[in-house]
Amino acid sequence: MVPVACGTCGARVEARKSSWEQTSVQWNAEALAACSERRTAGTGAVFTGCPALRTTIRRAAAEGEFRAPPGYADT
């Protein structure tokens, strides 16, 4: 897992790519508080993830900022 900061709100999470389809993200309390998408979801609401962070993670992997599976950037 490597630190990744959201390009929109700056929330810092730990992320890992196992494949193009699979991403693991570890959120901490600070990141949850910083995430504008999470705040919009509201307390007690289902939070399925942040589209802006998802885009940031994909871009970081494609640009080689953290280790991604072989062929990641080709997909």
N, C-alpha and C. Protein backbone atom coordinates (compact mmCIF):
# COMPACT_ATOMS: atom_id res chain seq x y z
N MET A 1 0.86 -1.17 0.00
CA MET A 1 0.00 0.00 0.00
C MET A 1 0.91 1.24 0.00
N VAL A 2 0.48 2.20 -0.77
CA VAL A 2 1.24 3.45 -0.85
C VAL A 2 0.29 4.62 -0.61
N PRO A 3 0.82 5.72 -0.10
CA PRO A 3 -0.03 6.89 0.12
C PRO A 3 -0.41 7.54 -1.21
N VAL A 4 -1.66 7.92 -1.30
CA VAL A 4 -2.18 8.63 -2.47
C VAL A 4 -3.05 9.77 -1.96
N ALA A 5 -2.85 10.97 -2.49
CA ALA A 5 -3.65 12.12 -2.10
C ALA A 5 -4.63 12.44 -3.23
N CYS A 6 -5.89 12.57 -2.89
CA CYS A 6 -6.93 12.89 -3.87
C CYS A 6 -6.60 14.21 -4.57
N GLY A 7 -6.73 14.21 -5.88
CA GLY A 7 -6.46 15.40 -6.67
C GLY A 7 -7.50 16.49 -6.50
N THR A 8 -8.63 16.17 -5.89
CA THR A 8 -9.69 17.16 -5.70
C THR A 8 -9.66 17.77 -4.30
N CYS A 9 -9.68 16.92 -3.27
CA CYS A 9 -9.79 17.45 -1.90
C CYS A 9 -8.52 17.25 -1.08
N GLY A 10 -7.57 16.46 -1.58
CA GLY A 10 -6.32 16.24 -0.85
C GLY A 10 -6.37 15.15 0.20
N ALA A 11 -7.50 14.46 0.35
CA ALA A 11 -7.59 13.37 1.33
C ALA A 11 -6.50 12.35 1.03
N ARG A 12 -5.74 11.95 2.06
CA ARG A 12 -4.64 11.00 1.87
C ARG A 12 -5.05 9.63 2.38
N VAL A 13 -5.00 8.65 1.49
CA VAL A 13 -5.35 7.27 1.80
C VAL A 13 -4.17 6.38 1.45
N GLU A 14 -4.26 5.12 1.80
CA GLU A 14 -3.30 4.10 1.38
C GLU A 14 -4.00 3.28 0.30
N ALA A 15 -3.33 3.07 -0.83
CA ALA A 15 -3.97 2.36 -1.95
C ALA A 15 -3.05 1.30 -2.53
N ARG A 16 -3.69 0.29 -3.15
CA ARG A 16 -2.97 -0.79 -3.82
C ARG A 16 -3.81 -1.25 -5.00
N LYS A 17 -3.16 -1.51 -6.12
CA LYS A 17 -3.83 -2.07 -7.30
C LYS A 17 -3.39 -3.52 -7.45
N SER A 18 -4.34 -4.44 -7.42
CA SER A 18 -4.05 -5.86 -7.67
C SER A 18 -4.29 -6.20 -9.13
N SER A 19 -5.20 -5.46 -9.75
CA SER A 19 -5.51 -5.61 -11.17
C SER A 19 -6.22 -4.34 -11.60
N TRP A 20 -6.51 -4.23 -12.90
CA TRP A 20 -7.24 -3.06 -13.37
C TRP A 20 -8.57 -2.94 -12.64
N GLU A 21 -9.22 -4.06 -12.41
CA GLU A 21 -10.55 -4.06 -11.81
C GLU A 21 -10.54 -3.94 -10.30
N GLN A 22 -9.44 -4.29 -9.64
CA GLN A 22 -9.42 -4.37 -8.18
C GLN A 22 -8.48 -3.33 -7.58
N THR A 23 -9.04 -2.52 -6.70
CA THR A 23 -8.27 -1.52 -5.96
C THR A 23 -8.61 -1.66 -4.49
N SER A 24 -7.59 -1.69 -3.66
CA SER A 24 -7.79 -1.69 -2.21
C SER A 24 -7.45 -0.30 -1.70
N VAL A 25 -8.33 0.25 -0.87
CA VAL A 25 -8.10 1.57 -0.30
C VAL A 25 -8.33 1.50 1.20
N GLN A 26 -7.37 2.01 1.96
CA GLN A 26 -7.53 2.11 3.40
C GLN A 26 -7.72 3.57 3.75
N TRP A 27 -8.87 3.84 4.34
CA TRP A 27 -9.21 5.19 4.78
C TRP A 27 -8.87 5.32 6.25
N ASN A 28 -8.43 6.51 6.65
CA ASN A 28 -8.28 6.81 8.06
C ASN A 28 -9.25 7.95 8.39
N ALA A 29 -9.38 8.27 9.66
CA ALA A 29 -10.35 9.28 10.08
C ALA A 29 -10.09 10.64 9.43
N GLU A 30 -8.81 11.00 9.30
CA GLU A 30 -8.47 12.29 8.69
C GLU A 30 -8.90 12.34 7.22
N ALA A 31 -8.66 11.26 6.49
CA ALA A 31 -9.05 11.21 5.08
C ALA A 31 -10.57 11.26 4.93
N LEU A 32 -11.28 10.53 5.78
CA LEU A 32 -12.74 10.56 5.72
C LEU A 32 -13.27 11.96 5.98
N ALA A 33 -12.65 12.67 6.92
CA ALA A 33 -13.09 14.04 7.23
C ALA A 33 -12.78 15.00 6.09
N ALA A 34 -11.67 14.76 5.38
CA ALA A 34 -11.25 15.66 4.30
C ALA A 34 -12.03 15.44 3.01
N CYS A 35 -12.54 14.23 2.79
CA CYS A 35 -13.17 13.88 1.52
C CYS A 35 -14.51 14.60 1.34
N SER A 36 -14.59 15.43 0.31
CA SER A 36 -15.82 16.17 0.05
C SER A 36 -16.96 15.24 -0.37
N GLU A 37 -16.66 14.16 -1.07
CA GLU A 37 -17.70 13.19 -1.45
C GLU A 37 -18.28 12.51 -0.21
N ARG A 38 -17.42 12.18 0.73
CA ARG A 38 -17.88 11.54 1.97
C ARG A 38 -18.77 12.49 2.76
N ARG A 39 -18.37 13.73 2.86
CA ARG A 39 -19.18 14.72 3.59
C ARG A 39 -20.55 14.88 2.93
N THR A 40 -20.58 14.86 1.60
CA THR A 40 -21.84 14.99 0.87
C THR A 40 -22.76 13.81 1.15
N ALA A 41 -22.17 12.61 1.33
CA ALA A 41 -22.97 11.40 1.61
C ALA A 41 -23.71 11.52 2.93
N GLY A 42 -23.12 12.22 3.90
CA GLY A 42 -23.79 12.41 5.18
C GLY A 42 -23.51 11.28 6.16
N THR A 43 -23.75 11.56 7.42
CA THR A 43 -23.54 10.60 8.49
C THR A 43 -24.50 9.43 8.36
N GLY A 44 -23.96 8.24 8.47
CA GLY A 44 -24.78 7.04 8.42
C GLY A 44 -25.15 6.59 7.02
N ALA A 45 -24.82 7.38 6.01
CA ALA A 45 -25.14 7.01 4.63
C ALA A 45 -24.14 5.98 4.12
N VAL A 46 -24.57 5.20 3.15
CA VAL A 46 -23.67 4.24 2.50
C VAL A 46 -22.67 5.03 1.66
N PHE A 47 -21.40 4.76 1.86
CA PHE A 47 -20.34 5.44 1.12
C PHE A 47 -19.60 4.39 0.31
N THR A 48 -19.83 4.37 -0.99
CA THR A 48 -19.23 3.34 -1.84
C THR A 48 -17.89 3.76 -2.42
N GLY A 49 -17.43 4.93 -2.09
CA GLY A 49 -16.14 5.40 -2.58
C GLY A 49 -16.25 6.75 -3.24
N CYS A 50 -15.12 7.31 -3.54
CA CYS A 50 -15.05 8.66 -4.10
C CYS A 50 -14.59 8.60 -5.56
N PRO A 51 -15.41 9.08 -6.48
CA PRO A 51 -15.02 9.08 -7.89
C PRO A 51 -13.74 9.88 -8.16
N ALA A 52 -13.57 10.99 -7.46
CA ALA A 52 -12.36 11.80 -7.67
C ALA A 52 -11.12 11.05 -7.21
N LEU A 53 -11.21 10.37 -6.08
CA LEU A 53 -10.07 9.58 -5.59
C LEU A 53 -9.80 8.41 -6.53
N ARG A 54 -10.85 7.77 -7.02
CA ARG A 54 -10.69 6.66 -7.96
C ARG A 54 -9.92 7.12 -9.20
N THR A 55 -10.26 8.29 -9.72
CA THR A 55 -9.56 8.86 -10.87
C THR A 55 -8.10 9.14 -10.54
N THR A 56 -7.85 9.70 -9.35
CA THR A 56 -6.48 9.99 -8.92
C THR A 56 -5.65 8.72 -8.84
N ILE A 57 -6.22 7.65 -8.27
CA ILE A 57 -5.50 6.38 -8.13
C ILE A 57 -5.18 5.80 -9.50
N ARG A 58 -6.14 5.81 -10.41
CA ARG A 58 -5.90 5.28 -11.76
C ARG A 58 -4.80 6.08 -12.47
N ARG A 59 -4.86 7.38 -12.34
CA ARG A 59 -3.86 8.23 -12.99
C ARG A 59 -2.48 7.96 -12.38
N ALA A 60 -2.41 7.86 -11.06
CA ALA A 60 -1.13 7.60 -10.39
C ALA A 60 -0.53 6.27 -10.83
N ALA A 61 -1.36 5.25 -10.94
CA ALA A 61 -0.87 3.94 -11.37
C ALA A 61 -0.40 3.99 -12.82
N ALA A 62 -1.16 4.63 -13.68
CA ALA A 62 -0.80 4.73 -15.09
C ALA A 62 0.49 5.51 -15.29
N GLU A 63 0.75 6.49 -14.41
CA GLU A 63 1.95 7.31 -14.51
C GLU A 63 3.13 6.72 -13.74
N GLY A 64 2.92 5.54 -13.12
CA GLY A 64 4.01 4.87 -12.43
C GLY A 64 4.32 5.40 -11.05
N GLU A 65 3.41 6.16 -10.46
CA GLU A 65 3.66 6.72 -9.14
C GLU A 65 3.64 5.66 -8.05
N PHE A 66 3.00 4.56 -8.30
CA PHE A 66 3.12 3.40 -7.42
C PHE A 66 2.99 2.15 -8.24
N ARG A 67 3.44 1.06 -7.69
CA ARG A 67 3.50 -0.20 -8.44
C ARG A 67 2.11 -0.69 -8.79
N ALA A 68 1.93 -0.96 -10.06
CA ALA A 68 0.66 -1.49 -10.56
C ALA A 68 0.94 -2.81 -11.26
N PRO A 69 -0.08 -3.63 -11.43
CA PRO A 69 0.11 -4.91 -12.10
C PRO A 69 0.59 -4.74 -13.54
N PRO A 70 1.29 -5.74 -14.09
CA PRO A 70 1.71 -5.67 -15.49
C PRO A 70 0.52 -5.43 -16.42
N GLY A 71 0.71 -4.57 -17.39
CA GLY A 71 -0.34 -4.28 -18.35
C GLY A 71 -1.37 -3.28 -17.88
N TYR A 72 -1.21 -2.74 -16.68
CA TYR A 72 -2.20 -1.82 -16.12
C TYR A 72 -2.47 -0.64 -17.04
N ALA A 73 -1.42 0.02 -17.50
CA ALA A 73 -1.57 1.22 -18.32
C ALA A 73 -2.11 0.91 -19.71
N ASP A 74 -2.05 -0.35 -20.11
CA ASP A 74 -2.53 -0.73 -21.44
C ASP A 74 -4.04 -0.89 -21.50
N THR A 75 -4.69 -0.93 -20.35
CA THR A 75 -6.12 -1.22 -20.33
C THR A 75 -6.94 0.04 -20.42
